[in-house]
PDB file of N, CA and C in Angstrom:
ATOM      1  N   UNK A   1      71.954 112.487 127.908  1.00  0.00           N
ATOM      2  CA  UNK A   1      70.917 113.438 127.591  1.00  0.00           C
ATOM      3  C   UNK A   1      71.340 114.793 128.148  1.00  0.00           C
ATOM      4  N   UNK A   2      71.125 115.825 127.346  1.00  0.00           N
ATOM      5  CA  UNK A   2      71.481 117.185 127.735  1.00  0.00           C
ATOM      6  C   UNK A   2      70.223 118.038 127.740  1.00  0.00           C
ATOM      7  N   UNK A   3      70.075 118.875 128.765  1.00  0.00           N
ATOM      8  CA  UNK A   3      68.925 119.765 128.866  1.00  0.00           C
ATOM      9  C   UNK A   3      69.399 121.207 128.813  1.00  0.00           C
ATOM     10  N   UNK A   4      68.575 122.067 128.185  1.00  0.00           N
ATOM     11  CA  UNK A   4      68.844 123.509 128.160  1.00  0.00           C
ATOM     12  C   UNK A   4      67.627 124.213 128.747  1.00  0.00           C
ATOM     13  N   UNK A   5      67.887 125.269 129.521  1.00  0.00           N
ATOM     14  CA  UNK A   5      66.832 125.980 130.238  1.00  0.00           C
ATOM     15  C   UNK A   5      66.859 127.465 129.895  1.00  0.00           C
ATOM     16  N   UNK A   6      65.689 128.103 130.002  1.00  0.00           N
ATOM     17  CA  UNK A   6      65.637 129.549 129.815  1.00  0.00           C
ATOM     18  C   UNK A   6      65.894 130.244 131.154  1.00  0.00           C
ATOM     19  N   UNK A   7      65.824 131.570 131.185  1.00  0.00           N
ATOM     20  CA  UNK A   7      66.117 132.327 132.402  1.00  0.00           C
ATOM     21  C   UNK A   7      65.101 132.088 133.516  1.00  0.00           C
ATOM     22  N   UNK A   8      63.932 131.530 133.177  1.00  0.00           N
ATOM     23  CA  UNK A   8      62.891 131.258 134.158  1.00  0.00           C
ATOM     24  C   UNK A   8      62.975 129.834 134.716  1.00  0.00           C
ATOM     25  N   UNK A   9      63.927 129.062 134.225  1.00  0.00           N
ATOM     26  CA  UNK A   9      64.071 127.688 134.690  1.00  0.00           C
ATOM     27  C   UNK A   9      63.243 126.683 133.927  1.00  0.00           C
ATOM     28  N   UNK A  10      62.631 127.101 132.827  1.00  0.00           N
ATOM     29  CA  UNK A  10      61.852 126.187 131.989  1.00  0.00           C
ATOM     30  C   UNK A  10      62.787 125.428 131.052  1.00  0.00           C
ATOM     31  N   UNK A  11      62.586 124.114 130.967  1.00  0.00           N
ATOM     32  CA  UNK A  11      63.393 123.338 130.012  1.00  0.00           C
ATOM     33  C   UNK A  11      62.925 123.683 128.605  1.00  0.00           C
ATOM     34  N   UNK A  12      63.817 124.192 127.775  1.00  0.00           N
ATOM     35  CA  UNK A  12      63.450 124.614 126.425  1.00  0.00           C
ATOM     36  C   UNK A  12      64.032 123.695 125.348  1.00  0.00           C
ATOM     37  N   UNK A  13      64.958 122.820 125.753  1.00  0.00           N
ATOM     38  CA  UNK A  13      65.532 121.900 124.769  1.00  0.00           C
ATOM     39  C   UNK A  13      66.039 120.645 125.468  1.00  0.00           C
ATOM     40  N   UNK A  14      65.888 119.528 124.762  1.00  0.00           N
ATOM     41  CA  UNK A  14      66.378 118.240 125.244  1.00  0.00           C
ATOM     42  C   UNK A  14      67.138 117.590 124.097  1.00  0.00           C
ATOM     43  N   UNK A  15      68.400 117.297 124.308  1.00  0.00           N
ATOM     44  CA  UNK A  15      69.230 116.661 123.283  1.00  0.00           C
ATOM     45  C   UNK A  15      69.575 115.253 123.757  1.00  0.00           C
ATOM     46  N   UNK A  16      69.166 114.266 122.965  1.00  0.00           N
ATOM     47  CA  UNK A  16      69.387 112.865 123.327  1.00  0.00           C
ATOM     48  C   UNK A  16      70.324 112.237 122.308  1.00  0.00           C
ATOM     49  N   UNK A  17      71.539 111.911 122.752  1.00  0.00           N
ATOM     50  CA  UNK A  17      72.537 111.318 121.863  1.00  0.00           C
ATOM     51  C   UNK A  17      72.495 109.802 121.981  1.00  0.00           C
ATOM     52  N   UNK A  18      72.370 109.127 120.831  1.00  0.00           N
ATOM     53  CA  UNK A  18      72.393 107.672 120.775  1.00  0.00           C
ATOM     54  C   UNK A  18      73.775 107.266 120.278  1.00  0.00           C
ATOM     55  N   UNK A  19      74.575 106.681 121.160  1.00  0.00           N
ATOM     56  CA  UNK A  19      75.959 106.335 120.822  1.00  0.00           C
ATOM     57  C   UNK A  19      76.040 105.251 119.758  1.00  0.00           C
ATOM     58  N   UNK A  20      75.075 104.328 119.753  1.00  0.00           N
ATOM     59  CA  UNK A  20      75.147 103.240 118.771  1.00  0.00           C
ATOM     60  C   UNK A  20      74.896 103.726 117.345  1.00  0.00           C
ATOM     61  N   UNK A  21      74.036 104.734 117.190  1.00  0.00           N
ATOM     62  CA  UNK A  21      73.755 105.273 115.855  1.00  0.00           C
ATOM     63  C   UNK A  21      74.489 106.583 115.592  1.00  0.00           C
ATOM     64  N   UNK A  22      75.076 107.153 116.632  1.00  0.00           N
ATOM     65  CA  UNK A  22      75.771 108.437 116.571  1.00  0.00           C
ATOM     66  C   UNK A  22      74.861 109.557 116.058  1.00  0.00           C
ATOM     67  N   UNK A  23      73.613 109.508 116.511  1.00  0.00           N
ATOM     68  CA  UNK A  23      72.620 110.512 116.123  1.00  0.00           C
ATOM     69  C   UNK A  23      72.114 111.209 117.377  1.00  0.00           C
ATOM     70  N   UNK A  24      72.008 112.525 117.298  1.00  0.00           N
ATOM     71  CA  UNK A  24      71.430 113.313 118.381  1.00  0.00           C
ATOM     72  C   UNK A  24      70.018 113.724 117.987  1.00  0.00           C
ATOM     73  N   UNK A  25      69.056 113.386 118.828  1.00  0.00           N
ATOM     74  CA  UNK A  25      67.668 113.793 118.620  1.00  0.00           C
ATOM     75  C   UNK A  25      67.414 115.026 119.474  1.00  0.00           C
ATOM     76  N   UNK A  26      67.007 116.117 118.821  1.00  0.00           N
ATOM     77  CA  UNK A  26      66.768 117.378 119.510  1.00  0.00           C
ATOM     78  C   UNK A  26      65.263 117.610 119.600  1.00  0.00           C
ATOM     79  N   UNK A  27      64.787 117.906 120.808  1.00  0.00           N
ATOM     80  CA  UNK A  27      63.387 118.271 121.026  1.00  0.00           C
ATOM     81  C   UNK A  27      63.383 119.617 121.730  1.00  0.00           C
ATOM     82  N   UNK A  28      62.638 120.566 121.163  1.00  0.00           N
ATOM     83  CA  UNK A  28      62.507 121.900 121.756  1.00  0.00           C
ATOM     84  C   UNK A  28      61.091 122.057 122.279  1.00  0.00           C
ATOM     85  N   UNK A  29      60.934 122.874 123.316  1.00  0.00           N
ATOM     86  CA  UNK A  29      59.639 123.051 123.956  1.00  0.00           C
ATOM     87  C   UNK A  29      59.255 124.530 123.973  1.00  0.00           C
ATOM     88  N   UNK A  30      57.981 124.810 123.723  1.00  0.00           N
ATOM     89  CA  UNK A  30      57.459 126.171 123.826  1.00  0.00           C
ATOM     90  C   UNK A  30      56.409 126.181 124.922  1.00  0.00           C
ATOM     91  N   UNK A  31      56.409 127.243 125.718  1.00  0.00           N
ATOM     92  CA  UNK A  31      55.548 127.328 126.895  1.00  0.00           C
ATOM     93  C   UNK A  31      54.440 128.351 126.728  1.00  0.00           C
ATOM     94  N   UNK A  32      53.310 128.075 127.392  1.00  0.00           N
ATOM     95  CA  UNK A  32      52.225 129.042 127.516  1.00  0.00           C
ATOM     96  C   UNK A  32      52.628 130.073 128.572  1.00  0.00           C
ATOM     97  N   UNK A  33      51.862 131.131 128.659  1.00  0.00           N
ATOM     98  CA  UNK A  33      52.145 132.172 129.654  1.00  0.00           C
ATOM     99  C   UNK A  33      52.021 131.633 131.080  1.00  0.00           C
ATOM    100  N   UNK A  34      51.179 130.618 131.291  1.00  0.00           N
ATOM    101  CA  UNK A  34      50.991 130.065 132.635  1.00  0.00           C
ATOM    102  C   UNK A  34      52.018 128.998 132.985  1.00  0.00           C
ATOM    103  N   UNK A  35      52.935 128.691 132.052  1.00  0.00           N
ATOM    104  CA  UNK A  35      54.031 127.789 132.361  1.00  0.00           C
ATOM    105  C   UNK A  35      53.906 126.363 131.874  1.00  0.00           C
ATOM    106  N   UNK A  36      52.846 126.035 131.136  1.00  0.00           N
ATOM    107  CA  UNK A  36      52.694 124.688 130.596  1.00  0.00           C
ATOM    108  C   UNK A  36      53.329 124.587 129.215  1.00  0.00           C
ATOM    109  N   UNK A  37      53.948 123.454 128.931  1.00  0.00           N
ATOM    110  CA  UNK A  37      54.460 123.214 127.574  1.00  0.00           C
ATOM    111  C   UNK A  37      53.258 123.043 126.655  1.00  0.00           C
ATOM    112  N   UNK A  38      53.242 123.738 125.518  1.00  0.00           N
ATOM    113  CA  UNK A  38      52.110 123.579 124.600  1.00  0.00           C
ATOM    114  C   UNK A  38      52.515 122.995 123.257  1.00  0.00           C
ATOM    115  N   UNK A  39      53.796 123.060 122.874  1.00  0.00           N
ATOM    116  CA  UNK A  39      54.239 122.395 121.649  1.00  0.00           C
ATOM    117  C   UNK A  39      55.641 121.826 121.832  1.00  0.00           C
ATOM    118  N   UNK A  40      55.891 120.747 121.094  1.00  0.00           N
ATOM    119  CA  UNK A  40      57.227 120.177 120.968  1.00  0.00           C
ATOM    120  C   UNK A  40      57.667 120.408 119.530  1.00  0.00           C
ATOM    121  N   UNK A  41      58.916 120.828 119.360  1.00  0.00           N
ATOM    122  CA  UNK A  41      59.468 121.096 118.034  1.00  0.00           C
ATOM    123  C   UNK A  41      60.717 120.247 117.837  1.00  0.00           C
ATOM    124  N   UNK A  42      61.040 119.966 116.571  1.00  0.00           N
ATOM    125  CA  UNK A  42      62.282 119.234 116.297  1.00  0.00           C
ATOM    126  C   UNK A  42      63.423 120.229 116.110  1.00  0.00           C
ATOM    127  N   UNK A  43      64.586 119.756 115.711  1.00  0.00           N
ATOM    128  CA  UNK A  43      65.760 120.631 115.575  1.00  0.00           C
ATOM    129  C   UNK A  43      65.588 121.680 114.473  1.00  0.00           C
ATOM    130  N   UNK A  44      64.651 121.446 113.542  1.00  0.00           N
ATOM    131  CA  UNK A  44      64.372 122.409 112.471  1.00  0.00           C
ATOM    132  C   UNK A  44      63.199 123.320 112.813  1.00  0.00           C
ATOM    133  N   UNK A  45      62.765 123.277 114.078  1.00  0.00           N
ATOM    134  CA  UNK A  45      61.613 124.051 114.570  1.00  0.00           C
ATOM    135  C   UNK A  45      60.312 123.667 113.885  1.00  0.00           C
ATOM    136  N   UNK A  46      60.216 122.428 113.421  1.00  0.00           N
ATOM    137  CA  UNK A  46      58.970 121.927 112.858  1.00  0.00           C
ATOM    138  C   UNK A  46      58.131 121.325 113.973  1.00  0.00           C
ATOM    139  N   UNK A  47      56.827 121.517 113.883  1.00  0.00           N
ATOM    140  CA  UNK A  47      55.901 121.028 114.897  1.00  0.00           C
ATOM    141  C   UNK A  47      55.905 119.509 114.946  1.00  0.00           C
ATOM    142  N   UNK A  48      56.122 118.968 116.131  1.00  0.00           N
ATOM    143  CA  UNK A  48      56.114 117.525 116.340  1.00  0.00           C
ATOM    144  C   UNK A  48      54.880 117.118 117.127  1.00  0.00           C
ATOM    145  N   UNK A  49      54.514 117.918 118.130  1.00  0.00           N
ATOM    146  CA  UNK A  49      53.423 117.549 119.030  1.00  0.00           C
ATOM    147  C   UNK A  49      52.807 118.798 119.635  1.00  0.00           C
ATOM    148  N   UNK A  50      51.485 118.776 119.828  1.00  0.00           N
ATOM    149  CA  UNK A  50      50.772 119.846 120.524  1.00  0.00           C
ATOM    150  C   UNK A  50      50.199 119.272 121.807  1.00  0.00           C
ATOM    151  N   UNK A  51      50.118 120.088 122.822  1.00  0.00           N
ATOM    152  CA  UNK A  51      49.573 119.636 124.104  1.00  0.00           C
ATOM    153  C   UNK A  51      48.431 120.549 124.513  1.00  0.00           C
ATOM    154  N   UNK A  52      47.419 119.938 125.104  1.00  0.00           N
ATOM    155  CA  UNK A  52      46.281 120.671 125.633  1.00  0.00           C
ATOM    156  C   UNK A  52      46.207 120.373 127.114  1.00  0.00           C
ATOM    157  N   UNK A  53      46.326 121.398 127.928  1.00  0.00           N
ATOM    158  CA  UNK A  53      46.279 121.219 129.372  1.00  0.00           C
ATOM    159  C   UNK A  53      44.914 121.653 129.879  1.00  0.00           C
ATOM    160  N   UNK A  54      44.237 120.736 130.531  1.00  0.00           N
ATOM    161  CA  UNK A  54      42.919 121.007 131.079  1.00  0.00           C
ATOM    162  C   UNK A  54      42.952 120.610 132.546  1.00  0.00           C
ATOM    163  N   UNK A  55      42.669 121.549 133.409  1.00  0.00           N
ATOM    164  CA  UNK A  55      42.726 121.277 134.839  1.00  0.00           C
ATOM    165  C   UNK A  55      41.328 121.286 135.450  1.00  0.00           C
ATOM    166  N   UNK A  56      41.016 120.292 136.306  1.00  0.00           N
ATOM    167  CA  UNK A  56      39.766 120.360 137.076  1.00  0.00           C
ATOM    168  C   UNK A  56      39.829 121.604 137.941  1.00  0.00           C
ATOM    169  N   UNK A  57      38.777 122.231 138.396  1.00  0.00           N
ATOM    170  CA  UNK A  57      37.418 121.724 138.340  1.00  0.00           C
ATOM    171  C   UNK A  57      36.628 122.155 137.106  1.00  0.00           C
ATOM    172  N   UNK A  58      37.246 122.907 136.176  1.00  0.00           N
ATOM    173  CA  UNK A  58      36.506 123.370 134.998  1.00  0.00           C
ATOM    174  C   UNK A  58      35.864 122.211 134.252  1.00  0.00           C
ATOM    175  N   UNK A  59      36.577 121.076 134.132  1.00  0.00           N
ATOM    176  CA  UNK A  59      36.066 119.919 133.397  1.00  0.00           C
ATOM    177  C   UNK A  59      35.476 118.869 134.328  1.00  0.00           C
ATOM    178  N   UNK A  60      35.163 119.245 135.535  1.00  0.00           N
ATOM    179  CA  UNK A  60      34.668 118.301 136.537  1.00  0.00           C
ATOM    180  C   UNK A  60      33.476 117.504 136.014  1.00  0.00           C
ATOM    181  N   UNK A  61      33.520 116.203 136.218  1.00  0.00           N
ATOM    182  CA  UNK A  61      32.398 115.346 135.863  1.00  0.00           C
ATOM    183  C   UNK A  61      32.485 114.755 134.467  1.00  0.00           C
ATOM    184  N   UNK A  62      33.406 115.208 133.639  1.00  0.00           N
ATOM    185  CA  UNK A  62      33.533 114.628 132.309  1.00  0.00           C
ATOM    186  C   UNK A  62      34.285 113.308 132.394  1.00  0.00           C
ATOM    187  N   UNK A  63      33.941 112.394 131.516  1.00  0.00           N
ATOM    188  CA  UNK A  63      34.598 111.092 131.547  1.00  0.00           C
ATOM    189  C   UNK A  63      35.968 111.127 130.898  1.00  0.00           C
ATOM    190  N   UNK A  64      36.097 111.903 129.820  1.00  0.00           N
ATOM    191  CA  UNK A  64      37.393 111.993 129.153  1.00  0.00           C
ATOM    192  C   UNK A  64      37.675 113.425 128.756  1.00  0.00           C
ATOM    193  N   UNK A  65      38.921 113.761 128.697  1.00  0.00           N
ATOM    194  CA  UNK A  65      39.366 115.101 128.327  1.00  0.00           C
ATOM    195  C   UNK A  65      40.534 114.944 127.357  1.00  0.00           C
ATOM    196  N   UNK A  66      40.553 115.699 126.268  1.00  0.00           N
ATOM    197  CA  UNK A  66      41.713 115.589 125.377  1.00  0.00           C
ATOM    198  C   UNK A  66      42.955 116.093 126.097  1.00  0.00           C
ATOM    199  N   UNK A  67      43.975 115.262 126.170  1.00  0.00           N
ATOM    200  CA  UNK A  67      45.183 115.636 126.895  1.00  0.00           C
ATOM    201  C   UNK A  67      46.355 115.936 125.978  1.00  0.00           C
ATOM    202  N   UNK A  68      46.439 115.250 124.848  1.00  0.00           N
ATOM    203  CA  UNK A  68      47.585 115.454 123.981  1.00  0.00           C
ATOM    204  C   UNK A  68      47.243 114.981 122.583  1.00  0.00           C
ATOM    205  N   UNK A  69      47.654 115.704 121.587  1.00  0.00           N
ATOM    206  CA  UNK A  69      47.430 115.264 120.218  1.00  0.00           C
ATOM    207  C   UNK A  69      48.752 115.255 119.473  1.00  0.00           C
ATOM    208  N   UNK A  70      48.866 114.371 118.530  1.00  0.00           N
ATOM    209  CA  UNK A  70      50.060 114.275 117.717  1.00  0.00           C
ATOM    210  C   UNK A  70      49.730 114.800 116.327  1.00  0.00           C
ATOM    211  N   UNK A  71      50.573 115.614 115.787  1.00  0.00           N
ATOM    212  CA  UNK A  71      50.341 116.225 114.486  1.00  0.00           C
ATOM    213  C   UNK A  71      50.159 115.132 113.441  1.00  0.00           C
ATOM    214  N   UNK A  72      49.103 115.240 112.642  1.00  0.00           N
ATOM    215  CA  UNK A  72      48.855 114.285 111.574  1.00  0.00           C
ATOM    216  C   UNK A  72      48.123 113.035 112.020  1.00  0.00           C
ATOM    217  N   UNK A  73      47.888 112.887 113.313  1.00  0.00           N
ATOM    218  CA  UNK A  73      47.177 111.725 113.834  1.00  0.00           C
ATOM    219  C   UNK A  73      45.973 112.186 114.635  1.00  0.00           C
ATOM    220  N   UNK A  74      45.006 111.292 114.860  1.00  0.00           N
ATOM    221  CA  UNK A  74      43.855 111.674 115.686  1.00  0.00           C
ATOM    222  C   UNK A  74      44.289 112.035 117.102  1.00  0.00           C
ATOM    223  N   UNK A  75      43.477 112.802 117.775  1.00  0.00           N
ATOM    224  CA  UNK A  75      43.776 113.180 119.156  1.00  0.00           C
ATOM    225  C   UNK A  75      43.827 111.953 120.040  1.00  0.00           C
ATOM    226  N   UNK A  76      44.687 112.005 121.031  1.00  0.00           N
ATOM    227  CA  UNK A  76      44.780 110.929 122.014  1.00  0.00           C
ATOM    228  C   UNK A  76      43.901 111.329 123.189  1.00  0.00           C
ATOM    229  N   UNK A  77      42.946 110.490 123.543  1.00  0.00           N
ATOM    230  CA  UNK A  77      42.041 110.788 124.639  1.00  0.00           C
ATOM    231  C   UNK A  77      42.464 109.959 125.843  1.00  0.00           C
ATOM    232  N   UNK A  78      42.643 110.626 126.949  1.00  0.00           N
ATOM    233  CA  UNK A  78      43.020 109.943 128.176  1.00  0.00           C
ATOM    234  C   UNK A  78      41.988 110.249 129.243  1.00  0.00           C
ATOM    235  N   UNK A  79      41.789 109.330 130.164  1.00  0.00           N
ATOM    236  CA  UNK A  79      40.798 109.585 131.232  1.00  0.00           C
ATOM    237  C   UNK A  79      41.149 110.842 132.006  1.00  0.00           C
ATOM    238  N   UNK A  80      40.131 111.595 132.347  1.00  0.00           N
ATOM    239  CA  UNK A  80      40.367 112.803 133.127  1.00  0.00           C
ATOM    240  C   UNK A  80      40.521 112.442 134.588  1.00  0.00           C
ATOM    241  N   UNK A  81      41.016 113.378 135.330  1.00  0.00           N
ATOM    242  CA  UNK A  81      41.112 113.217 136.772  1.00  0.00           C
ATOM    243  C   UNK A  81      39.756 113.576 137.352  1.00  0.00           C
ATOM    244  N   UNK A  82      39.153 112.675 138.088  1.00  0.00           N
ATOM    245  CA  UNK A  82      37.849 112.945 138.672  1.00  0.00           C
ATOM    246  C   UNK A  82      38.045 113.822 139.903  1.00  0.00           C
ATOM    247  N   UNK A  83      37.408 114.974 139.887  1.00  0.00           N
ATOM    248  CA  UNK A  83      37.634 115.952 140.959  1.00  0.00           C
ATOM    249  C   UNK A  83      36.396 116.133 141.830  1.00  0.00           C
ATOM    250  N   UNK A  84      35.613 115.077 141.987  1.00  0.00           N
ATOM    251  CA  UNK A  84      34.473 115.146 142.886  1.00  0.00           C
ATOM    252  C   UNK A  84      33.163 115.549 142.242  1.00  0.00           C
ATOM    253  N   UNK A  85      33.137 115.771 140.939  1.00  0.00           N
ATOM    254  CA  UNK A  85      31.901 116.097 140.248  1.00  0.00           C
ATOM    255  C   UNK A  85      31.097 114.847 139.952  1.00  0.00           C
ATOM    256  N   UNK A  86      29.867 115.018 139.522  1.00  0.00           N
ATOM    257  CA  UNK A  86      29.033 113.876 139.172  1.00  0.00           C
ATOM    258  C   UNK A  86      29.391 113.375 137.790  1.00  0.00           C
ATOM    259  N   UNK A  87      29.472 112.047 137.629  1.00  0.00           N
ATOM    260  CA  UNK A  87      29.783 111.454 136.340  1.00  0.00           C
ATOM    261  C   UNK A  87      28.521 111.216 135.558  1.00  0.00           C
TER     262      UNK A  87
END
């Protein structure tokens, strides 16, 4: 696996070579201004995945928070981190 980074130290590309199939899978990453990855792109810069970053305490007390969605599929809901709020 090969990683490429920008001048800020953010990983912007991941190249995974499969020797048995002789295929390299390229994943590119785009970052928000605050430093979180918000989209994954393929080698053709087509959207593969979107990410939603939600940090407590803004969502404190909620049972679930959307954490990641896949293009063309329903959102994936994962349990939120409980940060001391009332459920």
